[in-house]
């Protein structure tokens, strides 16, 4: 089962749940912060489970 909440996505299956957020480089700081806050709110739903957070950055290095 997959639930889309704007750019925050939550996926559920027996024994494994996941939340992800997309933070494109071109969005403003307020939108970026709002997406991250929504992502962390979703992670709170997993508070009684083990959680692994992985961050990926894609693009050119400055």
PDB file of N, CA and C in Angstrom:
ATOM      1  N   UNK A   1       0.848  -1.171   0.000  1.00  0.00           N
ATOM      2  CA  UNK A   1       0.000   0.000   0.000  1.00  0.00           C
ATOM      3  C   UNK A   1       0.895   1.237   0.000  1.00  0.00           C
ATOM      4  N   UNK A   2       0.540   2.256  -0.760  1.00  0.00           N
ATOM      5  CA  UNK A   2       1.354   3.465  -0.841  1.00  0.00           C
ATOM      6  C   UNK A   2       0.463   4.684  -0.679  1.00  0.00           C
ATOM      7  N   UNK A   3       0.866   5.592   0.169  1.00  0.00           N
ATOM      8  CA  UNK A   3       0.120   6.818   0.413  1.00  0.00           C
ATOM      9  C   UNK A   3       1.015   7.992   0.027  1.00  0.00           C
ATOM     10  N   UNK A   4       0.561   8.822  -0.917  1.00  0.00           N
ATOM     11  CA  UNK A   4       1.328  10.003  -1.316  1.00  0.00           C
ATOM     12  C   UNK A   4       0.786  11.217  -0.580  1.00  0.00           C
ATOM     13  N   UNK A   5       1.682  11.968   0.023  1.00  0.00           N
ATOM     14  CA  UNK A   5       1.311  13.181   0.736  1.00  0.00           C
ATOM     15  C   UNK A   5       2.202  14.291   0.183  1.00  0.00           C
ATOM     16  N   UNK A   6       1.771  14.944  -0.877  1.00  0.00           N
ATOM     17  CA  UNK A   6       2.630  15.929  -1.528  1.00  0.00           C
ATOM     18  C   UNK A   6       3.887  15.243  -2.034  1.00  0.00           C
ATOM     19  N   UNK A   7       5.038  15.736  -1.635  1.00  0.00           N
ATOM     20  CA  UNK A   7       6.293  15.118  -2.028  1.00  0.00           C
ATOM     21  C   UNK A   7       6.781  14.104  -0.997  1.00  0.00           C
ATOM     22  N   UNK A   8       6.020  13.926   0.082  1.00  0.00           N
ATOM     23  CA  UNK A   8       6.364  12.921   1.090  1.00  0.00           C
ATOM     24  C   UNK A   8       5.559  11.671   0.764  1.00  0.00           C
ATOM     25  N   UNK A   9       6.235  10.531   0.724  1.00  0.00           N
ATOM     26  CA  UNK A   9       5.556   9.274   0.393  1.00  0.00           C
ATOM     27  C   UNK A   9       5.745   8.282   1.530  1.00  0.00           C
ATOM     28  N   UNK A  10       4.675   7.548   1.825  1.00  0.00           N
ATOM     29  CA  UNK A  10       4.719   6.502   2.836  1.00  0.00           C
ATOM     30  C   UNK A  10       4.304   5.206   2.161  1.00  0.00           C
ATOM     31  N   UNK A  11       5.119   4.164   2.311  1.00  0.00           N
ATOM     32  CA  UNK A  11       4.811   2.856   1.746  1.00  0.00           C
ATOM     33  C   UNK A  11       4.742   1.837   2.873  1.00  0.00           C
ATOM     34  N   UNK A  12       3.754   0.955   2.815  1.00  0.00           N
ATOM     35  CA  UNK A  12       3.585  -0.062   3.847  1.00  0.00           C
ATOM     36  C   UNK A  12       3.451  -1.438   3.219  1.00  0.00           C
ATOM     37  N   UNK A  13       4.053  -2.411   3.849  1.00  0.00           N
ATOM     38  CA  UNK A  13       3.899  -3.808   3.484  1.00  0.00           C
ATOM     39  C   UNK A  13       4.081  -4.603   4.774  1.00  0.00           C
ATOM     40  N   UNK A  14       3.701  -5.858   4.807  1.00  0.00           N
ATOM     41  CA  UNK A  14       3.844  -6.630   6.046  1.00  0.00           C
ATOM     42  C   UNK A  14       5.296  -6.601   6.555  1.00  0.00           C
ATOM     43  N   UNK A  15       5.499  -6.015   7.739  1.00  0.00           N
ATOM     44  CA  UNK A  15       6.812  -6.014   8.377  1.00  0.00           C
ATOM     45  C   UNK A  15       7.773  -4.933   7.923  1.00  0.00           C
ATOM     46  N   UNK A  16       7.396  -4.127   6.908  1.00  0.00           N
ATOM     47  CA  UNK A  16       8.306  -3.101   6.412  1.00  0.00           C
ATOM     48  C   UNK A  16       7.510  -1.870   5.989  1.00  0.00           C
ATOM     49  N   UNK A  17       7.824  -0.735   6.596  1.00  0.00           N
ATOM     50  CA  UNK A  17       7.201   0.532   6.220  1.00  0.00           C
ATOM     51  C   UNK A  17       8.313   1.494   5.825  1.00  0.00           C
ATOM     52  N   UNK A  18       8.006   2.417   4.945  1.00  0.00           N
ATOM     53  CA  UNK A  18       9.020   3.378   4.504  1.00  0.00           C
ATOM     54  C   UNK A  18       8.379   4.739   4.295  1.00  0.00           C
ATOM     55  N   UNK A  19       9.159   5.778   4.551  1.00  0.00           N
ATOM     56  CA  UNK A  19       8.745   7.147   4.258  1.00  0.00           C
ATOM     57  C   UNK A  19       9.880   7.786   3.478  1.00  0.00           C
ATOM     58  N   UNK A  20       9.547   8.585   2.484  1.00  0.00           N
ATOM     59  CA  UNK A  20      10.583   9.261   1.706  1.00  0.00           C
ATOM     60  C   UNK A  20      10.140  10.693   1.419  1.00  0.00           C
ATOM     61  N   UNK A  21      11.109  11.547   1.125  1.00  0.00           N
ATOM     62  CA  UNK A  21      10.820  12.931   0.773  1.00  0.00           C
ATOM     63  C   UNK A  21      11.761  13.346  -0.354  1.00  0.00           C
ATOM     64  N   UNK A  22      11.233  14.122  -1.299  1.00  0.00           N
ATOM     65  CA  UNK A  22      12.042  14.653  -2.393  1.00  0.00           C
ATOM     66  C   UNK A  22      12.299  16.135  -2.121  1.00  0.00           C
ATOM     67  N   UNK A  23      13.562  16.531  -2.205  1.00  0.00           N
ATOM     68  CA  UNK A  23      13.943  17.928  -1.970  1.00  0.00           C
ATOM     69  C   UNK A  23      14.735  18.436  -3.176  1.00  0.00           C
ATOM     70  N   UNK A  24      14.046  18.820  -4.261  1.00  0.00           N
ATOM     71  CA  UNK A  24      14.747  19.325  -5.432  1.00  0.00           C
ATOM     72  C   UNK A  24      15.547  20.580  -5.091  1.00  0.00           C
ATOM     73  N   UNK A  25      16.670  20.761  -5.739  1.00  0.00           N
ATOM     74  CA  UNK A  25      17.552  21.889  -5.464  1.00  0.00           C
ATOM     75  C   UNK A  25      16.884  23.231  -5.751  1.00  0.00           C
ATOM     76  N   UNK A  26      15.944  23.284  -6.658  1.00  0.00           N
ATOM     77  CA  UNK A  26      15.359  24.553  -7.067  1.00  0.00           C
ATOM     78  C   UNK A  26      14.228  25.083  -6.204  1.00  0.00           C
ATOM     79  N   UNK A  27      13.828  24.387  -5.135  1.00  0.00           N
ATOM     80  CA  UNK A  27      12.716  24.883  -4.323  1.00  0.00           C
ATOM     81  C   UNK A  27      13.225  25.843  -3.256  1.00  0.00           C
ATOM     82  N   UNK A  28      12.327  26.740  -2.808  1.00  0.00           N
ATOM     83  CA  UNK A  28      12.763  27.726  -1.816  1.00  0.00           C
ATOM     84  C   UNK A  28      12.903  27.070  -0.435  1.00  0.00           C
ATOM     85  N   UNK A  29      13.579  27.787   0.453  1.00  0.00           N
ATOM     86  CA  UNK A  29      13.913  27.251   1.772  1.00  0.00           C
ATOM     87  C   UNK A  29      12.669  26.912   2.596  1.00  0.00           C
ATOM     88  N   UNK A  30      11.623  27.729   2.520  1.00  0.00           N
ATOM     89  CA  UNK A  30      10.400  27.466   3.292  1.00  0.00           C
ATOM     90  C   UNK A  30       9.730  26.180   2.832  1.00  0.00           C
ATOM     91  N   UNK A  31       9.633  25.968   1.510  1.00  0.00           N
ATOM     92  CA  UNK A  31       9.040  24.740   0.978  1.00  0.00           C
ATOM     93  C   UNK A  31       9.887  23.532   1.371  1.00  0.00           C
ATOM     94  N   UNK A  32      11.191  23.678   1.285  1.00  0.00           N
ATOM     95  CA  UNK A  32      12.122  22.603   1.653  1.00  0.00           C
ATOM     96  C   UNK A  32      11.937  22.221   3.131  1.00  0.00           C
ATOM     97  N   UNK A  33      11.853  23.227   4.009  1.00  0.00           N
ATOM     98  CA  UNK A  33      11.660  22.981   5.441  1.00  0.00           C
ATOM     99  C   UNK A  33      10.300  22.337   5.707  1.00  0.00           C
ATOM    100  N   UNK A  34       9.265  22.784   4.999  1.00  0.00           N
ATOM    101  CA  UNK A  34       7.930  22.206   5.182  1.00  0.00           C
ATOM    102  C   UNK A  34       7.917  20.729   4.791  1.00  0.00           C
ATOM    103  N   UNK A  35       8.588  20.387   3.699  1.00  0.00           N
ATOM    104  CA  UNK A  35       8.645  18.979   3.278  1.00  0.00           C
ATOM    105  C   UNK A  35       9.392  18.126   4.302  1.00  0.00           C
ATOM    106  N   UNK A  36      10.507  18.660   4.832  1.00  0.00           N
ATOM    107  CA  UNK A  36      11.258  17.904   5.840  1.00  0.00           C
ATOM    108  C   UNK A  36      10.434  17.724   7.108  1.00  0.00           C
ATOM    109  N   UNK A  37       9.700  18.756   7.533  1.00  0.00           N
ATOM    110  CA  UNK A  37       8.852  18.645   8.718  1.00  0.00           C
ATOM    111  C   UNK A  37       7.769  17.589   8.523  1.00  0.00           C
ATOM    112  N   UNK A  38       7.167  17.568   7.341  1.00  0.00           N
ATOM    113  CA  UNK A  38       6.138  16.563   7.036  1.00  0.00           C
ATOM    114  C   UNK A  38       6.740  15.158   7.057  1.00  0.00           C
ATOM    115  N   UNK A  39       7.956  15.023   6.526  1.00  0.00           N
ATOM    116  CA  UNK A  39       8.663  13.739   6.534  1.00  0.00           C
ATOM    117  C   UNK A  39       8.896  13.260   7.974  1.00  0.00           C
ATOM    118  N   UNK A  40       9.404  14.147   8.844  1.00  0.00           N
ATOM    119  CA  UNK A  40       9.666  13.755  10.240  1.00  0.00           C
ATOM    120  C   UNK A  40       8.363  13.440  10.966  1.00  0.00           C
ATOM    121  N   UNK A  41       7.276  14.149  10.638  1.00  0.00           N
ATOM    122  CA  UNK A  41       5.973  13.813  11.234  1.00  0.00           C
ATOM    123  C   UNK A  41       5.569  12.386  10.879  1.00  0.00           C
ATOM    124  N   UNK A  42       5.821  11.989   9.639  1.00  0.00           N
ATOM    125  CA  UNK A  42       5.498  10.617   9.230  1.00  0.00           C
ATOM    126  C   UNK A  42       6.366   9.611   9.976  1.00  0.00           C
ATOM    127  N   UNK A  43       7.647   9.944  10.211  1.00  0.00           N
ATOM    128  CA  UNK A  43       8.528   9.032  10.940  1.00  0.00           C
ATOM    129  C   UNK A  43       8.076   8.835  12.379  1.00  0.00           C
ATOM    130  N   UNK A  44       7.400   9.827  12.949  1.00  0.00           N
ATOM    131  CA  UNK A  44       6.883   9.701  14.312  1.00  0.00           C
ATOM    132  C   UNK A  44       5.909   8.519  14.396  1.00  0.00           C
ATOM    133  N   UNK A  45       5.212   8.249  13.301  1.00  0.00           N
ATOM    134  CA  UNK A  45       4.298   7.103  13.277  1.00  0.00           C
ATOM    135  C   UNK A  45       5.052   5.785  13.494  1.00  0.00           C
ATOM    136  N   UNK A  46       6.355   5.770  13.250  1.00  0.00           N
ATOM    137  CA  UNK A  46       7.170   4.566  13.410  1.00  0.00           C
ATOM    138  C   UNK A  46       7.889   4.562  14.765  1.00  0.00           C
ATOM    139  N   UNK A  47       7.453   5.382  15.719  1.00  0.00           N
ATOM    140  CA  UNK A  47       8.195   5.592  16.959  1.00  0.00           C
ATOM    141  C   UNK A  47       8.426   4.334  17.789  1.00  0.00           C
ATOM    142  N   UNK A  48       7.632   3.316  17.633  1.00  0.00           N
ATOM    143  CA  UNK A  48       7.822   2.090  18.415  1.00  0.00           C
ATOM    144  C   UNK A  48       8.499   0.988  17.603  1.00  0.00           C
ATOM    145  N   UNK A  49       9.163   1.395  16.523  1.00  0.00           N
ATOM    146  CA  UNK A  49       9.852   0.436  15.649  1.00  0.00           C
ATOM    147  C   UNK A  49      11.276   0.902  15.426  1.00  0.00           C
ATOM    148  N   UNK A  50      12.133   0.000  15.020  1.00  0.00           N
ATOM    149  CA  UNK A  50      13.487   0.390  14.634  1.00  0.00           C
ATOM    150  C   UNK A  50      13.392   1.218  13.352  1.00  0.00           C
ATOM    151  N   UNK A  51      14.182   2.285  13.282  1.00  0.00           N
ATOM    152  CA  UNK A  51      14.155   3.185  12.128  1.00  0.00           C
ATOM    153  C   UNK A  51      15.571   3.373  11.607  1.00  0.00           C
ATOM    154  N   UNK A  52      15.718   3.289  10.298  1.00  0.00           N
ATOM    155  CA  UNK A  52      16.981   3.562   9.614  1.00  0.00           C
ATOM    156  C   UNK A  52      16.726   4.723   8.661  1.00  0.00           C
ATOM    157  N   UNK A  53      17.498   5.797   8.791  1.00  0.00           N
ATOM    158  CA  UNK A  53      17.340   6.961   7.921  1.00  0.00           C
ATOM    159  C   UNK A  53      18.536   7.015   6.971  1.00  0.00           C
ATOM    160  N   UNK A  54      18.238   7.111   5.680  1.00  0.00           N
ATOM    161  CA  UNK A  54      19.275   7.172   4.650  1.00  0.00           C
ATOM    162  C   UNK A  54      19.065   8.461   3.859  1.00  0.00           C
ATOM    163  N   UNK A  55      20.129   9.217   3.650  1.00  0.00           N
ATOM    164  CA  UNK A  55      20.052  10.443   2.852  1.00  0.00           C
ATOM    165  C   UNK A  55      20.906  10.282   1.605  1.00  0.00           C
ATOM    166  N   UNK A  56      20.349  10.638   0.458  1.00  0.00           N
ATOM    167  CA  UNK A  56      21.073  10.597  -0.815  1.00  0.00           C
ATOM    168  C   UNK A  56      21.095  11.981  -1.420  1.00  0.00           C
ATOM    169  N   UNK A  57      22.238  12.409  -1.898  1.00  0.00           N
ATOM    170  CA  UNK A  57      22.346  13.687  -2.594  1.00  0.00           C
ATOM    171  C   UNK A  57      22.815  13.393  -4.016  1.00  0.00           C
ATOM    172  N   UNK A  58      22.103  13.970  -4.967  1.00  0.00           N
ATOM    173  CA  UNK A  58      22.428  13.732  -6.368  1.00  0.00           C
ATOM    174  C   UNK A  58      22.683  15.073  -7.036  1.00  0.00           C
ATOM    175  N   UNK A  59      23.749  15.166  -7.803  1.00  0.00           N
ATOM    176  CA  UNK A  59      24.025  16.399  -8.523  1.00  0.00           C
ATOM    177  C   UNK A  59      25.520  16.699  -8.536  1.00  0.00           C
ATOM    178  N   UNK A  60      25.814  17.839  -9.129  1.00  0.00           N
ATOM    179  CA  UNK A  60      27.207  18.242  -9.245  1.00  0.00           C
ATOM    180  C   UNK A  60      27.699  18.848  -7.951  1.00  0.00           C
ATOM    181  N   UNK A  61      28.954  18.615  -7.642  1.00  0.00           N
ATOM    182  CA  UNK A  61      29.569  19.214  -6.483  1.00  0.00           C
ATOM    183  C   UNK A  61      30.045  20.606  -6.838  1.00  0.00           C
ATOM    184  N   UNK A  62      29.878  21.567  -5.933  1.00  0.00           N
ATOM    185  CA  UNK A  62      30.322  22.948  -6.202  1.00  0.00           C
ATOM    186  C   UNK A  62      31.722  23.158  -5.733  1.00  0.00           C
TER     187      UNK A  62
END
